[in-house]
Amino acid sequence: MYHATKEIPKALVLISPKSKISQKEKKGVDKLLRIPNFIFELLRYWDRSGGLYSTSVNRGLHITASQELRKRQLRWNIQNDTPTLKRTLSQVQWATQNDYEKIHCPTLLIAGQEDHVTPPSHMHVIDEWIRHGSSSDRNIKRPICSKLCIPNTSHQVMLENAG
């Protein structure tokens, strides 16, 4: 993540960042990765039943999302094939408290007020970690960290409220 870059960024924008992955979430991902692709594909098909108002679409969008945005989300959900999704999930390296504490540049945290995938509470935790750093960083000037919680949006905050 941030500390792995060769140059120090001038600023960061983190959209719907997750502060912690629970053991339950880790086990859930592990279970999903062990499901044979044809069964996983059937589960995804069932998840998309209901079309524009399916669980699959509602997971990422606020209830007030436009029809056009719902169509785009559903199309993305269909086009994102199972092997690619599983490869992505298997390679994700979630940021940790230690990673966030190492951020030393101005940071903007953005969250959707109605995000159920990564609730805004995660943003507030990350803000504290960035502002205060680790105990070994107490003498280092901490960066400015701003938070923006956008009303009437969910996980796809930048698509839902692009204006």
N, C-alpha and C. Protein backbone atom coordinates (compact mmCIF):
# COMPACT_ATOMS: atom_id res chain seq x y z
N MET A 1 0.84 -1.18 0.00
CA MET A 1 0.00 0.00 0.00
C MET A 1 0.88 1.24 0.00
N TYR A 2 0.51 2.23 0.74
CA TYR A 2 1.17 3.53 0.78
C TYR A 2 2.67 3.41 1.03
N HIS A 3 3.06 2.70 2.06
CA HIS A 3 4.48 2.61 2.42
C HIS A 3 5.31 1.82 1.41
N ALA A 4 4.66 1.14 0.49
CA ALA A 4 5.38 0.35 -0.51
C ALA A 4 5.76 1.19 -1.73
N THR A 5 5.25 2.43 -1.81
CA THR A 5 5.58 3.27 -2.95
C THR A 5 7.00 3.81 -2.81
N LYS A 6 7.65 4.06 -3.95
CA LYS A 6 9.04 4.55 -3.93
C LYS A 6 9.11 6.03 -3.57
N GLU A 7 8.11 6.78 -3.95
CA GLU A 7 8.08 8.20 -3.63
C GLU A 7 6.91 8.46 -2.71
N ILE A 8 7.05 9.46 -1.85
CA ILE A 8 5.98 9.80 -0.93
C ILE A 8 4.92 10.58 -1.69
N PRO A 9 3.69 10.09 -1.67
CA PRO A 9 2.63 10.81 -2.39
C PRO A 9 2.38 12.18 -1.76
N LYS A 10 1.90 13.12 -2.57
CA LYS A 10 1.56 14.45 -2.08
C LYS A 10 0.27 14.42 -1.27
N ALA A 11 -0.64 13.50 -1.65
CA ALA A 11 -1.92 13.37 -0.97
C ALA A 11 -2.55 12.03 -1.34
N LEU A 12 -3.49 11.60 -0.53
CA LEU A 12 -4.20 10.34 -0.77
C LEU A 12 -5.70 10.59 -0.69
N VAL A 13 -6.45 9.86 -1.49
CA VAL A 13 -7.90 9.81 -1.37
C VAL A 13 -8.26 8.34 -1.22
N LEU A 14 -8.91 8.00 -0.12
CA LEU A 14 -9.33 6.63 0.13
C LEU A 14 -10.86 6.59 0.09
N ILE A 15 -11.40 5.80 -0.82
CA ILE A 15 -12.85 5.73 -1.02
C ILE A 15 -13.36 4.44 -0.42
N SER A 16 -14.30 4.55 0.51
CA SER A 16 -14.89 3.41 1.22
C SER A 16 -13.82 2.48 1.78
N PRO A 17 -12.85 3.03 2.52
CA PRO A 17 -11.79 2.16 3.05
C PRO A 17 -12.29 1.30 4.20
N LYS A 18 -11.73 0.13 4.32
CA LYS A 18 -12.10 -0.81 5.37
C LYS A 18 -11.02 -0.75 6.45
N SER A 19 -11.44 -0.61 7.70
CA SER A 19 -10.46 -0.50 8.78
C SER A 19 -9.99 -1.86 9.26
N LYS A 20 -10.87 -2.83 9.22
CA LYS A 20 -10.50 -4.14 9.74
C LYS A 20 -11.33 -5.21 9.05
N ILE A 21 -10.70 -6.33 8.78
CA ILE A 21 -11.39 -7.49 8.23
C ILE A 21 -11.58 -8.46 9.39
N SER A 22 -12.83 -8.76 9.68
CA SER A 22 -13.11 -9.66 10.81
C SER A 22 -12.77 -11.11 10.44
N GLN A 23 -12.62 -11.92 11.45
CA GLN A 23 -12.37 -13.35 11.23
C GLN A 23 -13.52 -13.97 10.45
N LYS A 24 -14.74 -13.53 10.76
CA LYS A 24 -15.92 -14.04 10.05
C LYS A 24 -15.82 -13.71 8.55
N GLU A 25 -15.39 -12.48 8.23
CA GLU A 25 -15.25 -12.09 6.82
C GLU A 25 -14.15 -12.89 6.14
N LYS A 26 -13.02 -13.10 6.84
CA LYS A 26 -11.92 -13.89 6.28
C LYS A 26 -12.38 -15.32 6.00
N LYS A 27 -13.10 -15.91 6.96
CA LYS A 27 -13.60 -17.27 6.77
C LYS A 27 -14.60 -17.33 5.62
N GLY A 28 -15.43 -16.29 5.50
CA GLY A 28 -16.39 -16.23 4.41
C GLY A 28 -15.71 -16.20 3.05
N VAL A 29 -14.65 -15.41 2.93
CA VAL A 29 -13.89 -15.35 1.68
C VAL A 29 -13.25 -16.71 1.41
N ASP A 30 -12.65 -17.31 2.43
CA ASP A 30 -12.04 -18.63 2.26
C ASP A 30 -13.05 -19.66 1.78
N LYS A 31 -14.26 -19.62 2.34
CA LYS A 31 -15.32 -20.54 1.91
C LYS A 31 -15.68 -20.31 0.44
N LEU A 32 -15.85 -19.04 0.08
CA LEU A 32 -16.20 -18.71 -1.30
C LEU A 32 -15.15 -19.23 -2.27
N LEU A 33 -13.89 -19.11 -1.90
CA LEU A 33 -12.81 -19.54 -2.80
C LEU A 33 -12.77 -21.05 -2.99
N ARG A 34 -13.31 -21.80 -2.04
CA ARG A 34 -13.31 -23.27 -2.14
C ARG A 34 -14.52 -23.82 -2.90
N ILE A 35 -15.50 -22.98 -3.15
CA ILE A 35 -16.70 -23.43 -3.86
C ILE A 35 -16.33 -23.65 -5.33
N PRO A 36 -16.70 -24.78 -5.91
CA PRO A 36 -16.43 -25.00 -7.34
C PRO A 36 -17.08 -23.89 -8.18
N ASN A 37 -16.42 -23.52 -9.26
CA ASN A 37 -16.87 -22.38 -10.07
C ASN A 37 -18.31 -22.52 -10.55
N PHE A 38 -18.72 -23.72 -10.97
CA PHE A 38 -20.09 -23.86 -11.50
C PHE A 38 -21.13 -23.62 -10.41
N ILE A 39 -20.84 -24.01 -9.18
CA ILE A 39 -21.78 -23.75 -8.07
C ILE A 39 -21.74 -22.26 -7.70
N PHE A 40 -20.55 -21.70 -7.67
CA PHE A 40 -20.38 -20.27 -7.39
C PHE A 40 -21.16 -19.45 -8.41
N GLU A 41 -21.10 -19.87 -9.67
CA GLU A 41 -21.82 -19.16 -10.73
C GLU A 41 -23.33 -19.26 -10.52
N LEU A 42 -23.82 -20.40 -10.07
CA LEU A 42 -25.25 -20.54 -9.77
C LEU A 42 -25.66 -19.62 -8.62
N LEU A 43 -24.82 -19.53 -7.60
CA LEU A 43 -25.10 -18.64 -6.47
C LEU A 43 -25.13 -17.18 -6.92
N ARG A 44 -24.21 -16.81 -7.79
CA ARG A 44 -24.18 -15.44 -8.32
C ARG A 44 -25.42 -15.17 -9.17
N TYR A 45 -25.86 -16.16 -9.94
CA TYR A 45 -27.07 -16.01 -10.75
C TYR A 45 -28.27 -15.77 -9.84
N TRP A 46 -28.36 -16.56 -8.77
CA TRP A 46 -29.46 -16.41 -7.80
C TRP A 46 -29.38 -15.04 -7.13
N ASP A 47 -28.17 -14.57 -6.80
CA ASP A 47 -27.95 -13.28 -6.16
C ASP A 47 -28.43 -12.14 -7.07
N ARG A 48 -28.36 -12.35 -8.39
CA ARG A 48 -28.79 -11.32 -9.34
C ARG A 48 -30.27 -11.40 -9.68
N SER A 49 -30.97 -12.44 -9.18
CA SER A 49 -32.41 -12.54 -9.49
C SER A 49 -33.11 -11.32 -8.89
N GLY A 50 -33.98 -10.74 -9.65
CA GLY A 50 -34.59 -9.48 -9.25
C GLY A 50 -34.05 -8.33 -10.08
N GLY A 51 -33.06 -8.66 -10.92
CA GLY A 51 -32.55 -7.66 -11.87
C GLY A 51 -32.02 -6.41 -11.22
N LEU A 52 -32.58 -5.27 -11.61
CA LEU A 52 -32.08 -3.97 -11.15
C LEU A 52 -32.25 -3.77 -9.65
N TYR A 53 -33.14 -4.53 -9.03
CA TYR A 53 -33.36 -4.42 -7.59
C TYR A 53 -32.96 -5.69 -6.86
N SER A 54 -32.04 -6.44 -7.45
CA SER A 54 -31.56 -7.69 -6.85
C SER A 54 -30.64 -7.39 -5.67
N THR A 55 -30.41 -8.40 -4.86
CA THR A 55 -29.46 -8.29 -3.76
C THR A 55 -28.09 -7.89 -4.28
N SER A 56 -27.72 -8.43 -5.43
CA SER A 56 -26.43 -8.15 -6.04
C SER A 56 -26.25 -6.66 -6.32
N VAL A 57 -27.27 -6.02 -6.84
CA VAL A 57 -27.21 -4.59 -7.16
C VAL A 57 -27.38 -3.75 -5.90
N ASN A 58 -28.32 -4.12 -5.05
CA ASN A 58 -28.59 -3.35 -3.83
C ASN A 58 -27.41 -3.36 -2.85
N ARG A 59 -26.57 -4.36 -2.93
CA ARG A 59 -25.40 -4.44 -2.04
C ARG A 59 -24.48 -3.24 -2.25
N GLY A 60 -24.39 -2.77 -3.48
CA GLY A 60 -23.46 -1.69 -3.78
C GLY A 60 -24.08 -0.32 -3.97
N LEU A 61 -25.39 -0.27 -4.15
CA LEU A 61 -26.05 1.01 -4.46
C LEU A 61 -27.10 1.37 -3.42
N HIS A 62 -27.30 2.66 -3.25
CA HIS A 62 -28.35 3.16 -2.36
C HIS A 62 -29.70 2.94 -3.03
N ILE A 63 -30.72 2.84 -2.24
CA ILE A 63 -32.08 2.58 -2.75
C ILE A 63 -32.54 3.67 -3.73
N THR A 64 -32.00 4.88 -3.61
CA THR A 64 -32.40 5.98 -4.50
C THR A 64 -31.58 6.05 -5.79
N ALA A 65 -30.69 5.09 -6.01
CA ALA A 65 -29.86 5.10 -7.23
C ALA A 65 -30.75 5.07 -8.47
N SER A 66 -30.31 5.77 -9.50
CA SER A 66 -31.09 5.87 -10.74
C SER A 66 -31.16 4.52 -11.46
N GLN A 67 -32.14 4.41 -12.34
CA GLN A 67 -32.29 3.20 -13.16
C GLN A 67 -31.03 2.97 -13.99
N GLU A 68 -30.49 4.06 -14.57
CA GLU A 68 -29.30 3.94 -15.41
C GLU A 68 -28.11 3.41 -14.61
N LEU A 69 -27.93 3.90 -13.41
CA LEU A 69 -26.83 3.43 -12.57
C LEU A 69 -27.06 1.97 -12.17
N ARG A 70 -28.30 1.61 -11.89
CA ARG A 70 -28.62 0.22 -11.54
C ARG A 70 -28.33 -0.71 -12.73
N LYS A 71 -28.65 -0.24 -13.94
CA LYS A 71 -28.34 -1.04 -15.14
C LYS A 71 -26.84 -1.25 -15.27
N ARG A 72 -26.05 -0.19 -15.05
CA ARG A 72 -24.60 -0.30 -15.15
C ARG A 72 -24.04 -1.25 -14.09
N GLN A 73 -24.57 -1.17 -12.87
CA GLN A 73 -24.10 -2.05 -11.80
C GLN A 73 -24.44 -3.51 -12.11
N LEU A 74 -25.65 -3.76 -12.57
CA LEU A 74 -26.05 -5.12 -12.92
C LEU A 74 -25.19 -5.65 -14.07
N ARG A 75 -24.96 -4.82 -15.08
CA ARG A 75 -24.12 -5.23 -16.21
C ARG A 75 -22.70 -5.58 -15.72
N TRP A 76 -22.15 -4.75 -14.83
CA TRP A 76 -20.81 -5.02 -14.28
C TRP A 76 -20.83 -6.34 -13.50
N ASN A 77 -21.86 -6.55 -12.69
CA ASN A 77 -21.96 -7.80 -11.91
C ASN A 77 -22.01 -9.02 -12.81
N ILE A 78 -22.71 -8.91 -13.94
CA ILE A 78 -22.81 -10.04 -14.88
C ILE A 78 -21.49 -10.24 -15.63
N GLN A 79 -20.88 -9.15 -16.07
CA GLN A 79 -19.66 -9.25 -16.89
C GLN A 79 -18.43 -9.66 -16.09
N ASN A 80 -18.43 -9.40 -14.80
CA ASN A 80 -17.31 -9.79 -13.96
C ASN A 80 -17.40 -11.30 -13.72
N ASP A 81 -16.61 -12.07 -14.47
CA ASP A 81 -16.75 -13.52 -14.43
C ASP A 81 -16.21 -14.12 -13.12
N THR A 82 -16.70 -15.30 -12.80
CA THR A 82 -16.37 -15.97 -11.55
C THR A 82 -14.88 -16.22 -11.37
N PRO A 83 -14.16 -16.76 -12.36
CA PRO A 83 -12.72 -16.97 -12.14
C PRO A 83 -11.96 -15.67 -11.82
N THR A 84 -12.32 -14.58 -12.49
CA THR A 84 -11.66 -13.30 -12.22
C THR A 84 -11.99 -12.81 -10.82
N LEU A 85 -13.25 -12.90 -10.44
CA LEU A 85 -13.66 -12.49 -9.10
C LEU A 85 -12.93 -13.30 -8.03
N LYS A 86 -12.84 -14.60 -8.22
CA LYS A 86 -12.16 -15.46 -7.24
C LYS A 86 -10.66 -15.17 -7.19
N ARG A 87 -10.04 -14.93 -8.35
CA ARG A 87 -8.61 -14.58 -8.35
C ARG A 87 -8.38 -13.27 -7.60
N THR A 88 -9.26 -12.30 -7.82
CA THR A 88 -9.14 -11.01 -7.14
C THR A 88 -9.26 -11.20 -5.63
N LEU A 89 -10.29 -11.92 -5.21
CA LEU A 89 -10.48 -12.16 -3.77
C LEU A 89 -9.30 -12.89 -3.15
N SER A 90 -8.71 -13.80 -3.88
CA SER A 90 -7.60 -14.59 -3.33
C SER A 90 -6.33 -13.75 -3.18
N GLN A 91 -6.22 -12.65 -3.91
CA GLN A 91 -5.01 -11.84 -3.89
C GLN A 91 -5.12 -10.53 -3.11
N VAL A 92 -6.30 -10.22 -2.61
CA VAL A 92 -6.48 -8.96 -1.88
C VAL A 92 -5.62 -8.97 -0.62
N GLN A 93 -4.91 -7.87 -0.43
CA GLN A 93 -4.16 -7.67 0.80
C GLN A 93 -4.78 -6.48 1.50
N TRP A 94 -5.55 -6.75 2.53
CA TRP A 94 -6.28 -5.71 3.24
C TRP A 94 -5.30 -4.84 4.03
N ALA A 95 -5.53 -3.55 4.00
CA ALA A 95 -4.71 -2.63 4.78
C ALA A 95 -4.98 -2.88 6.27
N THR A 96 -3.93 -2.72 7.06
CA THR A 96 -4.03 -2.92 8.51
C THR A 96 -3.89 -1.59 9.24
N GLN A 97 -4.12 -1.61 10.53
CA GLN A 97 -3.91 -0.41 11.34
C GLN A 97 -2.48 0.10 11.15
N ASN A 98 -1.54 -0.80 11.14
CA ASN A 98 -0.13 -0.42 10.95
C ASN A 98 0.07 0.30 9.62
N ASP A 99 -0.59 -0.19 8.55
CA ASP A 99 -0.48 0.46 7.24
C ASP A 99 -1.02 1.88 7.29
N TYR A 100 -2.18 2.05 7.90
CA TYR A 100 -2.79 3.38 7.96
C TYR A 100 -1.95 4.33 8.81
N GLU A 101 -1.38 3.82 9.90
CA GLU A 101 -0.57 4.67 10.78
C GLU A 101 0.70 5.18 10.09
N LYS A 102 1.14 4.53 9.03
CA LYS A 102 2.35 4.92 8.30
C LYS A 102 2.08 6.02 7.28
N ILE A 103 0.83 6.42 7.12
CA ILE A 103 0.51 7.48 6.16
C ILE A 103 0.96 8.82 6.72
N HIS A 104 1.76 9.54 5.93
CA HIS A 104 2.30 10.82 6.37
C HIS A 104 2.03 11.94 5.38
N CYS A 105 0.92 11.85 4.66
CA CYS A 105 0.55 12.92 3.73
C CYS A 105 -0.93 13.25 3.96
N PRO A 106 -1.37 14.43 3.53
CA PRO A 106 -2.79 14.76 3.67
C PRO A 106 -3.67 13.69 3.03
N THR A 107 -4.74 13.35 3.71
CA THR A 107 -5.60 12.25 3.27
C THR A 107 -7.06 12.67 3.33
N LEU A 108 -7.80 12.31 2.30
CA LEU A 108 -9.24 12.51 2.28
C LEU A 108 -9.89 11.14 2.31
N LEU A 109 -10.71 10.92 3.31
CA LEU A 109 -11.47 9.66 3.43
C LEU A 109 -12.90 9.94 2.98
N ILE A 110 -13.40 9.13 2.06
CA ILE A 110 -14.76 9.31 1.53
C ILE A 110 -15.56 8.05 1.80
N ALA A 111 -16.77 8.23 2.30
CA ALA A 111 -17.66 7.09 2.56
C ALA A 111 -19.08 7.46 2.19
N GLY A 112 -19.86 6.44 1.83
CA GLY A 112 -21.29 6.63 1.60
C GLY A 112 -22.02 6.44 2.91
N GLN A 113 -22.90 7.34 3.22
CA GLN A 113 -23.62 7.30 4.49
C GLN A 113 -24.38 5.98 4.69
N GLU A 114 -24.86 5.38 3.60
CA GLU A 114 -25.64 4.17 3.68
C GLU A 114 -24.87 2.94 3.21
N ASP A 115 -23.55 2.99 3.27
CA ASP A 115 -22.70 1.88 2.80
C ASP A 115 -22.78 0.73 3.81
N HIS A 116 -23.27 -0.42 3.34
CA HIS A 116 -23.36 -1.60 4.20
C HIS A 116 -22.19 -2.55 3.98
N VAL A 117 -21.43 -2.34 2.90
CA VAL A 117 -20.24 -3.14 2.64
C VAL A 117 -19.10 -2.65 3.53
N THR A 118 -18.88 -1.34 3.53
CA THR A 118 -17.89 -0.71 4.40
C THR A 118 -18.56 0.49 5.05
N PRO A 119 -19.19 0.29 6.21
CA PRO A 119 -19.90 1.39 6.87
C PRO A 119 -18.98 2.57 7.20
N PRO A 120 -19.54 3.79 7.28
CA PRO A 120 -18.75 4.97 7.58
C PRO A 120 -17.95 4.88 8.89
N SER A 121 -18.37 4.02 9.79
CA SER A 121 -17.62 3.87 11.05
C SER A 121 -16.17 3.47 10.79
N HIS A 122 -15.92 2.73 9.71
CA HIS A 122 -14.55 2.36 9.35
C HIS A 122 -13.72 3.61 9.05
N MET A 123 -14.33 4.56 8.37
CA MET A 123 -13.65 5.80 8.02
C MET A 123 -13.21 6.55 9.28
N HIS A 124 -14.06 6.56 10.31
CA HIS A 124 -13.74 7.27 11.55
C HIS A 124 -12.57 6.60 12.28
N VAL A 125 -12.53 5.28 12.26
CA VAL A 125 -11.42 4.54 12.89
C VAL A 125 -10.12 4.85 12.15
N ILE A 126 -10.15 4.79 10.83
CA ILE A 126 -8.96 5.06 10.02
C ILE A 126 -8.47 6.49 10.23
N ASP A 127 -9.41 7.42 10.33
CA ASP A 127 -9.06 8.81 10.60
C ASP A 127 -8.24 8.91 11.88
N GLU A 128 -8.67 8.24 12.93
CA GLU A 128 -7.93 8.25 14.21
C GLU A 128 -6.54 7.67 14.03
N TRP A 129 -6.42 6.58 13.32
CA TRP A 129 -5.12 5.95 13.11
C TRP A 129 -4.17 6.87 12.35
N ILE A 130 -4.68 7.53 11.31
CA ILE A 130 -3.83 8.42 10.53
C ILE A 130 -3.44 9.65 11.34
N ARG A 131 -4.40 10.23 12.05
CA ARG A 131 -4.13 11.45 12.83
C ARG A 131 -3.15 11.21 13.97
N HIS A 132 -3.23 10.05 14.60
CA HIS A 132 -2.43 9.83 15.81
C HIS A 132 -1.22 8.94 15.57
N GLY A 133 -1.22 8.13 14.51
CA GLY A 133 -0.08 7.28 14.22
C GLY A 133 0.19 6.27 15.32
N SER A 134 1.31 5.59 15.21
CA SER A 134 1.68 4.61 16.22
C SER A 134 2.41 5.31 17.36
N SER A 135 2.59 4.62 18.45
CA SER A 135 3.26 5.21 19.62
C SER A 135 4.69 5.62 19.29
N SER A 136 5.33 4.95 18.33
CA SER A 136 6.71 5.30 17.96
C SER A 136 6.77 6.56 17.09
N ASP A 137 5.62 7.01 16.59
CA ASP A 137 5.57 8.19 15.71
C ASP A 137 5.15 9.46 16.44
N ARG A 138 5.13 9.46 17.75
CA ARG A 138 4.59 10.60 18.49
C ARG A 138 5.31 11.92 18.21
N ASN A 139 6.58 11.88 17.85
CA ASN A 139 7.34 13.11 17.59
C ASN A 139 7.23 13.58 16.14
N ILE A 140 6.59 12.79 15.30
CA ILE A 140 6.45 13.14 13.89
C ILE A 140 5.16 13.92 13.71
N LYS A 141 5.26 15.02 12.96
CA LYS A 141 4.06 15.81 12.68
C LYS A 141 3.08 14.95 11.87
N ARG A 142 1.88 14.83 12.34
CA ARG A 142 0.87 13.99 11.70
C ARG A 142 0.17 14.78 10.59
N PRO A 143 -0.26 14.07 9.55
CA PRO A 143 -0.88 14.75 8.41
C PRO A 143 -2.32 15.19 8.69
N ILE A 144 -2.77 16.07 7.83
CA ILE A 144 -4.18 16.48 7.87
C ILE A 144 -5.00 15.32 7.31
N CYS A 145 -6.06 14.99 7.98
CA CYS A 145 -6.94 13.92 7.51
C CYS A 145 -8.36 14.47 7.52
N SER A 146 -8.98 14.51 6.37
CA SER A 146 -10.34 15.02 6.26
C SER A 146 -11.28 13.87 5.94
N LYS A 147 -12.51 14.00 6.43
CA LYS A 147 -13.52 12.97 6.18
C LYS A 147 -14.69 13.59 5.44
N LEU A 148 -15.23 12.81 4.53
CA LEU A 148 -16.40 13.23 3.77
C LEU A 148 -17.38 12.05 3.73
N CYS A 149 -18.50 12.20 4.40
CA CYS A 149 -19.53 11.16 4.40
C CYS A 149 -20.70 11.69 3.56
N ILE A 150 -20.91 11.05 2.42
CA ILE A 150 -21.88 11.56 1.45
C ILE A 150 -23.26 10.94 1.70
N PRO A 151 -24.26 11.79 1.95
CA PRO A 151 -25.61 11.28 2.22
C PRO A 151 -26.25 10.62 0.99
N ASN A 152 -27.17 9.71 1.25
CA ASN A 152 -27.94 9.02 0.21
C ASN A 152 -27.07 8.29 -0.79
N THR A 153 -25.95 7.76 -0.33
CA THR A 153 -25.10 6.93 -1.18
C THR A 153 -24.68 5.69 -0.40
N SER A 154 -24.29 4.68 -1.17
CA SER A 154 -23.87 3.43 -0.58
C SER A 154 -22.41 3.17 -0.95
N HIS A 155 -22.06 1.92 -1.26
CA HIS A 155 -20.68 1.55 -1.49
C HIS A 155 -20.09 2.14 -2.77
N GLN A 156 -20.90 2.33 -3.78
CA GLN A 156 -20.42 2.90 -5.05
C GLN A 156 -20.54 4.43 -5.00
N VAL A 157 -20.00 5.01 -3.97
CA VAL A 157 -20.18 6.43 -3.67
C VAL A 157 -19.77 7.35 -4.83
N MET A 158 -18.71 7.03 -5.54
CA MET A 158 -18.26 7.92 -6.62
C MET A 158 -19.15 7.80 -7.86
N LEU A 159 -19.83 6.69 -8.03
CA LEU A 159 -20.76 6.55 -9.15
C LEU A 159 -22.11 7.16 -8.81
N GLU A 160 -22.53 6.98 -7.57
CA GLU A 160 -23.85 7.44 -7.18
C GLU A 160 -23.94 8.96 -7.06
N ASN A 161 -22.83 9.56 -6.69
CA ASN A 161 -22.84 10.99 -6.46
C ASN A 161 -21.66 11.63 -7.16
N ALA A 162 -21.61 11.45 -8.46
CA ALA A 162 -20.45 11.91 -9.24
C ALA A 162 -20.42 13.42 -9.39
N GLY A 163 -21.51 14.10 -9.13
CA GLY A 163 -21.55 15.55 -9.33
C GLY A 163 -21.05 16.28 -8.20
